Amino acid sequence: EDDYPLRIADIGTGSGAILLALLSER
């Protein structure tokens, strides 16, 4: 569900692109 407190890891995050995109959506 949208309000589920997901835990996400981004390995080799660099600029943070993938992680920040996901956080912006969830």
mmCIF file of all heavy atoms, coordinates in Angstrom:
data_MODEL
# 
_entry.id   MODEL 
# 
loop_
_atom_site.group_PDB 
_atom_site.id 
_atom_site.type_symbol 
_atom_site.label_atom_id 
_atom_site.label_alt_id 
_atom_site.label_comp_id 
_atom_site.label_asym_id 
_atom_site.label_entity_id 
_atom_site.label_seq_id 
_atom_site.pdbx_PDB_ins_code 
_atom_site.Cartn_x 
_atom_site.Cartn_y 
_atom_site.Cartn_z 
_atom_site.occupancy 
_atom_site.B_iso_or_equiv 
_atom_site.pdbx_formal_charge 
_atom_site.auth_seq_id 
_atom_site.auth_comp_id 
_atom_site.auth_asym_id 
_atom_site.auth_atom_id 
_atom_site.pdbx_PDB_model_num 
ATOM 1   N N   . GLU A 1 1  ? 0.837  -1.189 0.000   1.00 0.00 ? 1  GLU A N   1 
ATOM 2   C CA  . GLU A 1 1  ? 0.000  0.000  0.000   1.00 0.00 ? 1  GLU A CA  1 
ATOM 3   C C   . GLU A 1 1  ? 0.879  1.248  0.000   1.00 0.00 ? 1  GLU A C   1 
ATOM 4   O O   . GLU A 1 1  ? 2.043  1.218  0.431   1.00 0.00 ? 1  GLU A O   1 
ATOM 5   C CB  . GLU A 1 1  ? -0.916 0.010  1.229   1.00 0.00 ? 1  GLU A CB  1 
ATOM 6   C CG  . GLU A 1 1  ? -1.899 -1.148 1.284   1.00 0.00 ? 1  GLU A CG  1 
ATOM 7   C CD  . GLU A 1 1  ? -2.922 -1.094 0.158   1.00 0.00 ? 1  GLU A CD  1 
ATOM 8   O OE1 . GLU A 1 1  ? -3.231 0.025  -0.313  1.00 0.00 ? 1  GLU A OE1 1 
ATOM 9   O OE2 . GLU A 1 1  ? -3.413 -2.167 -0.253  1.00 0.00 ? 1  GLU A OE2 1 
ATOM 10  N N   . ASP A 1 2  ? 0.330  2.368  -0.469  1.00 0.00 ? 2  ASP A N   1 
ATOM 11  C CA  . ASP A 1 2  ? 1.095  3.606  -0.567  1.00 0.00 ? 2  ASP A CA  1 
ATOM 12  C C   . ASP A 1 2  ? 1.678  4.047  0.766   1.00 0.00 ? 2  ASP A C   1 
ATOM 13  O O   . ASP A 1 2  ? 2.745  4.678  0.811   1.00 0.00 ? 2  ASP A O   1 
ATOM 14  C CB  . ASP A 1 2  ? 0.231  4.735  -1.135  1.00 0.00 ? 2  ASP A CB  1 
ATOM 15  C CG  . ASP A 1 2  ? -0.074 4.540  -2.610  1.00 0.00 ? 2  ASP A CG  1 
ATOM 16  O OD1 . ASP A 1 2  ? 0.589  3.693  -3.251  1.00 0.00 ? 2  ASP A OD1 1 
ATOM 17  O OD2 . ASP A 1 2  ? -0.974 5.228  -3.121  1.00 0.00 ? 2  ASP A OD2 1 
ATOM 18  N N   . ASP A 1 3  ? 0.984  3.747  1.870   1.00 0.00 ? 3  ASP A N   1 
ATOM 19  C CA  . ASP A 1 3  ? 1.437  4.209  3.176   1.00 0.00 ? 3  ASP A CA  1 
ATOM 20  C C   . ASP A 1 3  ? 2.306  3.184  3.900   1.00 0.00 ? 3  ASP A C   1 
ATOM 21  O O   . ASP A 1 3  ? 2.643  3.358  5.074   1.00 0.00 ? 3  ASP A O   1 
ATOM 22  C CB  . ASP A 1 3  ? 0.242  4.595  4.054   1.00 0.00 ? 3  ASP A CB  1 
ATOM 23  C CG  . ASP A 1 3  ? -0.732 3.441  4.277   1.00 0.00 ? 3  ASP A CG  1 
ATOM 24  O OD1 . ASP A 1 3  ? -0.527 2.367  3.656   1.00 0.00 ? 3  ASP A OD1 1 
ATOM 25  O OD2 . ASP A 1 3  ? -1.687 3.617  5.048   1.00 0.00 ? 3  ASP A OD2 1 
ATOM 26  N N   . TYR A 1 4  ? 2.683  2.112  3.198   1.00 0.00 ? 4  TYR A N   1 
ATOM 27  C CA  . TYR A 1 4  ? 3.543  1.106  3.834   1.00 0.00 ? 4  TYR A CA  1 
ATOM 28  C C   . TYR A 1 4  ? 4.951  1.683  4.022   1.00 0.00 ? 4  TYR A C   1 
ATOM 29  O O   . TYR A 1 4  ? 5.528  2.258  3.092   1.00 0.00 ? 4  TYR A O   1 
ATOM 30  C CB  . TYR A 1 4  ? 3.618  -0.155 2.974   1.00 0.00 ? 4  TYR A CB  1 
ATOM 31  C CG  . TYR A 1 4  ? 4.361  -1.290 3.631   1.00 0.00 ? 4  TYR A CG  1 
ATOM 32  C CD1 . TYR A 1 4  ? 3.725  -2.125 4.535   1.00 0.00 ? 4  TYR A CD1 1 
ATOM 33  C CD2 . TYR A 1 4  ? 5.711  -1.502 3.350   1.00 0.00 ? 4  TYR A CD2 1 
ATOM 34  C CE1 . TYR A 1 4  ? 4.415  -3.167 5.151   1.00 0.00 ? 4  TYR A CE1 1 
ATOM 35  C CE2 . TYR A 1 4  ? 6.408  -2.537 3.956   1.00 0.00 ? 4  TYR A CE2 1 
ATOM 36  C CZ  . TYR A 1 4  ? 5.757  -3.362 4.857   1.00 0.00 ? 4  TYR A CZ  1 
ATOM 37  O OH  . TYR A 1 4  ? 6.448  -4.384 5.467   1.00 0.00 ? 4  TYR A OH  1 
ATOM 38  N N   . PRO A 1 5  ? 5.547  1.522  5.216   1.00 0.00 ? 5  PRO A N   1 
ATOM 39  C CA  . PRO A 1 5  ? 6.871  2.118  5.492   1.00 0.00 ? 5  PRO A CA  1 
ATOM 40  C C   . PRO A 1 5  ? 8.011  1.295  4.889   1.00 0.00 ? 5  PRO A C   1 
ATOM 41  O O   . PRO A 1 5  ? 8.743  0.595  5.595   1.00 0.00 ? 5  PRO A O   1 
ATOM 42  C CB  . PRO A 1 5  ? 6.927  2.137  7.016   1.00 0.00 ? 5  PRO A CB  1 
ATOM 43  C CG  . PRO A 1 5  ? 6.079  0.971  7.433   1.00 0.00 ? 5  PRO A CG  1 
ATOM 44  C CD  . PRO A 1 5  ? 4.954  0.901  6.419   1.00 0.00 ? 5  PRO A CD  1 
ATOM 45  N N   . LEU A 1 6  ? 8.140  1.376  3.611   1.00 0.00 ? 6  LEU A N   1 
ATOM 46  C CA  . LEU A 1 6  ? 9.161  0.613  2.894   1.00 0.00 ? 6  LEU A CA  1 
ATOM 47  C C   . LEU A 1 6  ? 10.568 0.960  3.361   1.00 0.00 ? 6  LEU A C   1 
ATOM 48  O O   . LEU A 1 6  ? 10.873 2.112  3.681   1.00 0.00 ? 6  LEU A O   1 
ATOM 49  C CB  . LEU A 1 6  ? 9.067  0.913  1.398   1.00 0.00 ? 6  LEU A CB  1 
ATOM 50  C CG  . LEU A 1 6  ? 7.807  0.471  0.663   1.00 0.00 ? 6  LEU A CG  1 
ATOM 51  C CD1 . LEU A 1 6  ? 7.683  1.234  -0.646  1.00 0.00 ? 6  LEU A CD1 1 
ATOM 52  C CD2 . LEU A 1 6  ? 7.843  -1.029 0.413   1.00 0.00 ? 6  LEU A CD2 1 
ATOM 53  N N   . ARG A 1 7  ? 11.435 -0.047 3.310   1.00 0.00 ? 7  ARG A N   1 
ATOM 54  C CA  . ARG A 1 7  ? 12.877 0.173  3.488   1.00 0.00 ? 7  ARG A CA  1 
ATOM 55  C C   . ARG A 1 7  ? 13.543 -0.135 2.143   1.00 0.00 ? 7  ARG A C   1 
ATOM 56  O O   . ARG A 1 7  ? 13.418 -1.244 1.613   1.00 0.00 ? 7  ARG A O   1 
ATOM 57  C CB  . ARG A 1 7  ? 13.463 -0.723 4.582   1.00 0.00 ? 7  ARG A CB  1 
ATOM 58  C CG  . ARG A 1 7  ? 13.036 -0.365 5.987   1.00 0.00 ? 7  ARG A CG  1 
ATOM 59  C CD  . ARG A 1 7  ? 13.909 -1.092 7.002   1.00 0.00 ? 7  ARG A CD  1 
ATOM 60  N NE  . ARG A 1 7  ? 15.216 -0.471 7.103   1.00 0.00 ? 7  ARG A NE  1 
ATOM 61  C CZ  . ARG A 1 7  ? 16.362 -1.129 7.309   1.00 0.00 ? 7  ARG A CZ  1 
ATOM 62  N NH1 . ARG A 1 7  ? 16.368 -2.456 7.366   1.00 0.00 ? 7  ARG A NH1 1 
ATOM 63  N NH2 . ARG A 1 7  ? 17.507 -0.481 7.429   1.00 0.00 ? 7  ARG A NH2 1 
ATOM 64  N N   . ILE A 1 8  ? 14.242 0.843  1.618   1.00 0.00 ? 8  ILE A N   1 
ATOM 65  C CA  . ILE A 1 8  ? 14.863 0.739  0.296   1.00 0.00 ? 8  ILE A CA  1 
ATOM 66  C C   . ILE A 1 8  ? 16.364 0.943  0.435   1.00 0.00 ? 8  ILE A C   1 
ATOM 67  O O   . ILE A 1 8  ? 16.817 1.818  1.189   1.00 0.00 ? 8  ILE A O   1 
ATOM 68  C CB  . ILE A 1 8  ? 14.283 1.794  -0.670  1.00 0.00 ? 8  ILE A CB  1 
ATOM 69  C CG1 . ILE A 1 8  ? 12.768 1.615  -0.817  1.00 0.00 ? 8  ILE A CG1 1 
ATOM 70  C CG2 . ILE A 1 8  ? 14.968 1.727  -2.029  1.00 0.00 ? 8  ILE A CG2 1 
ATOM 71  C CD1 . ILE A 1 8  ? 12.099 2.736  -1.594  1.00 0.00 ? 8  ILE A CD1 1 
ATOM 72  N N   . ALA A 1 9  ? 17.152 0.167  -0.309  1.00 0.00 ? 9  ALA A N   1 
ATOM 73  C CA  . ALA A 1 9  ? 18.599 0.380  -0.396  1.00 0.00 ? 9  ALA A CA  1 
ATOM 74  C C   . ALA A 1 9  ? 18.990 0.559  -1.852  1.00 0.00 ? 9  ALA A C   1 
ATOM 75  O O   . ALA A 1 9  ? 18.508 -0.171 -2.722  1.00 0.00 ? 9  ALA A O   1 
ATOM 76  C CB  . ALA A 1 9  ? 19.355 -0.797 0.209   1.00 0.00 ? 9  ALA A CB  1 
ATOM 77  N N   . ASP A 1 10 ? 19.845 1.541  -2.096  1.00 0.00 ? 10 ASP A N   1 
ATOM 78  C CA  . ASP A 1 10 ? 20.362 1.809  -3.444  1.00 0.00 ? 10 ASP A CA  1 
ATOM 79  C C   . ASP A 1 10 ? 21.869 1.610  -3.396  1.00 0.00 ? 10 ASP A C   1 
ATOM 80  O O   . ASP A 1 10 ? 22.584 2.381  -2.743  1.00 0.00 ? 10 ASP A O   1 
ATOM 81  C CB  . ASP A 1 10 ? 20.002 3.237  -3.862  1.00 0.00 ? 10 ASP A CB  1 
ATOM 82  C CG  . ASP A 1 10 ? 20.511 3.600  -5.249  1.00 0.00 ? 10 ASP A CG  1 
ATOM 83  O OD1 . ASP A 1 10 ? 20.935 2.694  -5.986  1.00 0.00 ? 10 ASP A OD1 1 
ATOM 84  O OD2 . ASP A 1 10 ? 20.473 4.797  -5.593  1.00 0.00 ? 10 ASP A OD2 1 
ATOM 85  N N   . ILE A 1 11 ? 22.353 0.585  -4.063  1.00 0.00 ? 11 ILE A N   1 
ATOM 86  C CA  . ILE A 1 11 ? 23.756 0.190  -3.993  1.00 0.00 ? 11 ILE A CA  1 
ATOM 87  C C   . ILE A 1 11 ? 24.545 0.892  -5.088  1.00 0.00 ? 11 ILE A C   1 
ATOM 88  O O   . ILE A 1 11 ? 24.256 0.729  -6.272  1.00 0.00 ? 11 ILE A O   1 
ATOM 89  C CB  . ILE A 1 11 ? 23.908 -1.343 -4.136  1.00 0.00 ? 11 ILE A CB  1 
ATOM 90  C CG1 . ILE A 1 11 ? 22.955 -2.069 -3.182  1.00 0.00 ? 11 ILE A CG1 1 
ATOM 91  C CG2 . ILE A 1 11 ? 25.353 -1.758 -3.893  1.00 0.00 ? 11 ILE A CG2 1 
ATOM 92  C CD1 . ILE A 1 11 ? 23.044 -1.640 -1.752  1.00 0.00 ? 11 ILE A CD1 1 
ATOM 93  N N   . GLY A 1 12 ? 25.558 1.664  -4.696  1.00 0.00 ? 12 GLY A N   1 
ATOM 94  C CA  . GLY A 1 12 ? 26.307 2.469  -5.654  1.00 0.00 ? 12 GLY A CA  1 
ATOM 95  C C   . GLY A 1 12 ? 25.464 3.645  -6.102  1.00 0.00 ? 12 GLY A C   1 
ATOM 96  O O   . GLY A 1 12 ? 25.272 3.881  -7.293  1.00 0.00 ? 12 GLY A O   1 
ATOM 97  N N   . THR A 1 13 ? 24.991 4.421  -5.151  1.00 0.00 ? 13 THR A N   1 
ATOM 98  C CA  . THR A 1 13 ? 23.945 5.418  -5.422  1.00 0.00 ? 13 THR A CA  1 
ATOM 99  C C   . THR A 1 13 ? 24.389 6.584  -6.293  1.00 0.00 ? 13 THR A C   1 
ATOM 100 O O   . THR A 1 13 ? 23.579 7.202  -6.959  1.00 0.00 ? 13 THR A O   1 
ATOM 101 C CB  . THR A 1 13 ? 23.369 5.948  -4.085  1.00 0.00 ? 13 THR A CB  1 
ATOM 102 O OG1 . THR A 1 13 ? 22.165 6.658  -4.321  1.00 0.00 ? 13 THR A OG1 1 
ATOM 103 C CG2 . THR A 1 13 ? 24.380 6.827  -3.349  1.00 0.00 ? 13 THR A CG2 1 
ATOM 104 N N   . GLY A 1 14 ? 25.684 6.900  -6.312  1.00 0.00 ? 14 GLY A N   1 
ATOM 105 C CA  . GLY A 1 14 ? 26.156 8.008  -7.149  1.00 0.00 ? 14 GLY A CA  1 
ATOM 106 C C   . GLY A 1 14 ? 25.502 9.316  -6.763  1.00 0.00 ? 14 GLY A C   1 
ATOM 107 O O   . GLY A 1 14 ? 25.587 9.777  -5.626  1.00 0.00 ? 14 GLY A O   1 
ATOM 108 N N   . SER A 1 15 ? 24.807 9.928  -7.700  1.00 0.00 ? 15 SER A N   1 
ATOM 109 C CA  . SER A 1 15 ? 24.116 11.191 -7.449  1.00 0.00 ? 15 SER A CA  1 
ATOM 110 C C   . SER A 1 15 ? 22.851 11.006 -6.619  1.00 0.00 ? 15 SER A C   1 
ATOM 111 O O   . SER A 1 15 ? 22.206 11.988 -6.234  1.00 0.00 ? 15 SER A O   1 
ATOM 112 C CB  . SER A 1 15 ? 23.743 11.853 -8.778  1.00 0.00 ? 15 SER A CB  1 
ATOM 113 O OG  . SER A 1 15 ? 22.812 11.053 -9.492  1.00 0.00 ? 15 SER A OG  1 
ATOM 114 N N   . GLY A 1 16 ? 22.477 9.762  -6.339  1.00 0.00 ? 16 GLY A N   1 
ATOM 115 C CA  . GLY A 1 16 ? 21.241 9.467  -5.619  1.00 0.00 ? 16 GLY A CA  1 
ATOM 116 C C   . GLY A 1 16 ? 20.038 9.336  -6.524  1.00 0.00 ? 16 GLY A C   1 
ATOM 117 O O   . GLY A 1 16 ? 18.903 9.244  -6.047  1.00 0.00 ? 16 GLY A O   1 
ATOM 118 N N   . ALA A 1 17 ? 20.244 9.292  -7.826  1.00 0.00 ? 17 ALA A N   1 
ATOM 119 C CA  . ALA A 1 17 ? 19.151 9.390  -8.794  1.00 0.00 ? 17 ALA A CA  1 
ATOM 120 C C   . ALA A 1 17 ? 18.041 8.370  -8.560  1.00 0.00 ? 17 ALA A C   1 
ATOM 121 O O   . ALA A 1 17 ? 16.863 8.727  -8.441  1.00 0.00 ? 17 ALA A O   1 
ATOM 122 C CB  . ALA A 1 17 ? 19.701 9.250  -10.215 1.00 0.00 ? 17 ALA A CB  1 
ATOM 123 N N   . ILE A 1 18 ? 18.394 7.084  -8.505  1.00 0.00 ? 18 ILE A N   1 
ATOM 124 C CA  . ILE A 1 18 ? 17.365 6.049  -8.389  1.00 0.00 ? 18 ILE A CA  1 
ATOM 125 C C   . ILE A 1 18 ? 16.658 6.143  -7.048  1.00 0.00 ? 18 ILE A C   1 
ATOM 126 O O   . ILE A 1 18 ? 15.421 6.125  -6.973  1.00 0.00 ? 18 ILE A O   1 
ATOM 127 C CB  . ILE A 1 18 ? 17.973 4.649  -8.584  1.00 0.00 ? 18 ILE A CB  1 
ATOM 128 C CG1 . ILE A 1 18 ? 18.603 4.514  -9.975  1.00 0.00 ? 18 ILE A CG1 1 
ATOM 129 C CG2 . ILE A 1 18 ? 16.921 3.572  -8.392  1.00 0.00 ? 18 ILE A CG2 1 
ATOM 130 C CD1 . ILE A 1 18 ? 19.341 3.206  -10.186 1.00 0.00 ? 18 ILE A CD1 1 
ATOM 131 N N   . LEU A 1 19 ? 17.428 6.248  -5.976  1.00 0.00 ? 19 LEU A N   1 
ATOM 132 C CA  . LEU A 1 19 ? 16.833 6.307  -4.640  1.00 0.00 ? 19 LEU A CA  1 
ATOM 133 C C   . LEU A 1 19 ? 15.902 7.499  -4.490  1.00 0.00 ? 19 LEU A C   1 
ATOM 134 O O   . LEU A 1 19 ? 14.770 7.368  -3.998  1.00 0.00 ? 19 LEU A O   1 
ATOM 135 C CB  . LEU A 1 19 ? 17.935 6.370  -3.594  1.00 0.00 ? 19 LEU A CB  1 
ATOM 136 C CG  . LEU A 1 19 ? 17.464 6.482  -2.144  1.00 0.00 ? 19 LEU A CG  1 
ATOM 137 C CD1 . LEU A 1 19 ? 16.629 5.272  -1.747  1.00 0.00 ? 19 LEU A CD1 1 
ATOM 138 C CD2 . LEU A 1 19 ? 18.652 6.651  -1.205  1.00 0.00 ? 19 LEU A CD2 1 
ATOM 139 N N   . LEU A 1 20 ? 16.341 8.666  -4.908  1.00 0.00 ? 20 LEU A N   1 
ATOM 140 C CA  . LEU A 1 20 ? 15.537 9.872  -4.735  1.00 0.00 ? 20 LEU A CA  1 
ATOM 141 C C   . LEU A 1 20 ? 14.288 9.835  -5.616  1.00 0.00 ? 20 LEU A C   1 
ATOM 142 O O   . LEU A 1 20 ? 13.227 10.324 -5.219  1.00 0.00 ? 20 LEU A O   1 
ATOM 143 C CB  . LEU A 1 20 ? 16.384 11.105 -5.016  1.00 0.00 ? 20 LEU A CB  1 
ATOM 144 C CG  . LEU A 1 20 ? 17.568 11.284 -4.057  1.00 0.00 ? 20 LEU A CG  1 
ATOM 145 C CD1 . LEU A 1 20 ? 18.412 12.474 -4.469  1.00 0.00 ? 20 LEU A CD1 1 
ATOM 146 C CD2 . LEU A 1 20 ? 17.102 11.422 -2.609  1.00 0.00 ? 20 LEU A CD2 1 
ATOM 147 N N   . ALA A 1 21 ? 14.398 9.241  -6.793  1.00 0.00 ? 21 ALA A N   1 
ATOM 148 C CA  . ALA A 1 21 ? 13.208 9.084  -7.641  1.00 0.00 ? 21 ALA A CA  1 
ATOM 149 C C   . ALA A 1 21 ? 12.171 8.207  -6.946  1.00 0.00 ? 21 ALA A C   1 
ATOM 150 O O   . ALA A 1 21 ? 10.973 8.518  -6.937  1.00 0.00 ? 21 ALA A O   1 
ATOM 151 C CB  . ALA A 1 21 ? 13.601 8.481  -8.988  1.00 0.00 ? 21 ALA A CB  1 
ATOM 152 N N   . LEU A 1 22 ? 12.631 7.109  -6.338  1.00 0.00 ? 22 LEU A N   1 
ATOM 153 C CA  . LEU A 1 22 ? 11.699 6.217  -5.644  1.00 0.00 ? 22 LEU A CA  1 
ATOM 154 C C   . LEU A 1 22 ? 11.082 6.885  -4.428  1.00 0.00 ? 22 LEU A C   1 
ATOM 155 O O   . LEU A 1 22 ? 9.875  6.765  -4.174  1.00 0.00 ? 22 LEU A O   1 
ATOM 156 C CB  . LEU A 1 22 ? 12.428 4.931  -5.244  1.00 0.00 ? 22 LEU A CB  1 
ATOM 157 C CG  . LEU A 1 22 ? 12.839 4.016  -6.399  1.00 0.00 ? 22 LEU A CG  1 
ATOM 158 C CD1 . LEU A 1 22 ? 13.769 2.922  -5.908  1.00 0.00 ? 22 LEU A CD1 1 
ATOM 159 C CD2 . LEU A 1 22 ? 11.611 3.410  -7.074  1.00 0.00 ? 22 LEU A CD2 1 
ATOM 160 N N   . LEU A 1 23 ? 11.892 7.597  -3.656  1.00 0.00 ? 23 LEU A N   1 
ATOM 161 C CA  . LEU A 1 23 ? 11.365 8.282  -2.477  1.00 0.00 ? 23 LEU A CA  1 
ATOM 162 C C   . LEU A 1 23 ? 10.354 9.355  -2.864  1.00 0.00 ? 23 LEU A C   1 
ATOM 163 O O   . LEU A 1 23 ? 9.396  9.609  -2.127  1.00 0.00 ? 23 LEU A O   1 
ATOM 164 C CB  . LEU A 1 23 ? 12.503 8.889  -1.666  1.00 0.00 ? 23 LEU A CB  1 
ATOM 165 C CG  . LEU A 1 23 ? 13.460 7.896  -1.000  1.00 0.00 ? 23 LEU A CG  1 
ATOM 166 C CD1 . LEU A 1 23 ? 14.554 8.654  -0.236  1.00 0.00 ? 23 LEU A CD1 1 
ATOM 167 C CD2 . LEU A 1 23 ? 12.735 6.936  -0.079  1.00 0.00 ? 23 LEU A CD2 1 
ATOM 168 N N   . SER A 1 24 ? 10.565 9.989  -4.020  1.00 0.00 ? 24 SER A N   1 
ATOM 169 C CA  . SER A 1 24 ? 9.623  11.022 -4.462  1.00 0.00 ? 24 SER A CA  1 
ATOM 170 C C   . SER A 1 24 ? 8.259  10.424 -4.804  1.00 0.00 ? 24 SER A C   1 
ATOM 171 O O   . SER A 1 24 ? 7.243  11.118 -4.756  1.00 0.00 ? 24 SER A O   1 
ATOM 172 C CB  . SER A 1 24 ? 10.182 11.770 -5.677  1.00 0.00 ? 24 SER A CB  1 
ATOM 173 O OG  . SER A 1 24 ? 10.100 10.978 -6.865  1.00 0.00 ? 24 SER A OG  1 
ATOM 174 N N   . GLU A 1 25 ? 8.233  9.133  -5.132  1.00 0.00 ? 25 GLU A N   1 
ATOM 175 C CA  . GLU A 1 25 ? 6.995  8.463  -5.503  1.00 0.00 ? 25 GLU A CA  1 
ATOM 176 C C   . GLU A 1 25 ? 6.345  7.730  -4.332  1.00 0.00 ? 25 GLU A C   1 
ATOM 177 O O   . GLU A 1 25 ? 5.147  7.438  -4.376  1.00 0.00 ? 25 GLU A O   1 
ATOM 178 C CB  . GLU A 1 25 ? 7.263  7.456  -6.631  1.00 0.00 ? 25 GLU A CB  1 
ATOM 179 C CG  . GLU A 1 25 ? 7.722  8.085  -7.940  1.00 0.00 ? 25 GLU A CG  1 
ATOM 180 C CD  . GLU A 1 25 ? 6.580  8.728  -8.710  1.00 0.00 ? 25 GLU A CD  1 
ATOM 181 O OE1 . GLU A 1 25 ? 5.411  8.531  -8.320  1.00 0.00 ? 25 GLU A OE1 1 
ATOM 182 O OE2 . GLU A 1 25 ? 6.858  9.426  -9.708  1.00 0.00 ? 25 GLU A OE2 1 
ATOM 183 N N   . ARG A 1 26 ? 7.135  7.408  -3.322  1.00 0.00 ? 26 ARG A N   1 
ATOM 184 C CA  . ARG A 1 26 ? 6.625  6.637  -2.180  1.00 0.00 ? 26 ARG A CA  1 
ATOM 185 C C   . ARG A 1 26 ? 6.857  7.437  -0.896  1.00 0.00 ? 26 ARG A C   1 
ATOM 186 O O   . ARG A 1 26 ? 7.889  7.317  -0.239  1.00 0.00 ? 26 ARG A O   1 
ATOM 187 C CB  . ARG A 1 26 ? 7.330  5.283  -2.101  1.00 0.00 ? 26 ARG A CB  1 
ATOM 188 C CG  . ARG A 1 26 ? 7.128  4.407  -3.319  1.00 0.00 ? 26 ARG A CG  1 
ATOM 189 C CD  . ARG A 1 26 ? 5.712  3.886  -3.478  1.00 0.00 ? 26 ARG A CD  1 
ATOM 190 N NE  . ARG A 1 26 ? 5.271  3.090  -2.342  1.00 0.00 ? 26 ARG A NE  1 
ATOM 191 C CZ  . ARG A 1 26 ? 4.343  2.143  -2.415  1.00 0.00 ? 26 ARG A CZ  1 
ATOM 192 N NH1 . ARG A 1 26 ? 3.757  1.870  -3.586  1.00 0.00 ? 26 ARG A NH1 1 
ATOM 193 N NH2 . ARG A 1 26 ? 3.971  1.484  -1.341  1.00 0.00 ? 26 ARG A NH2 1 
# 
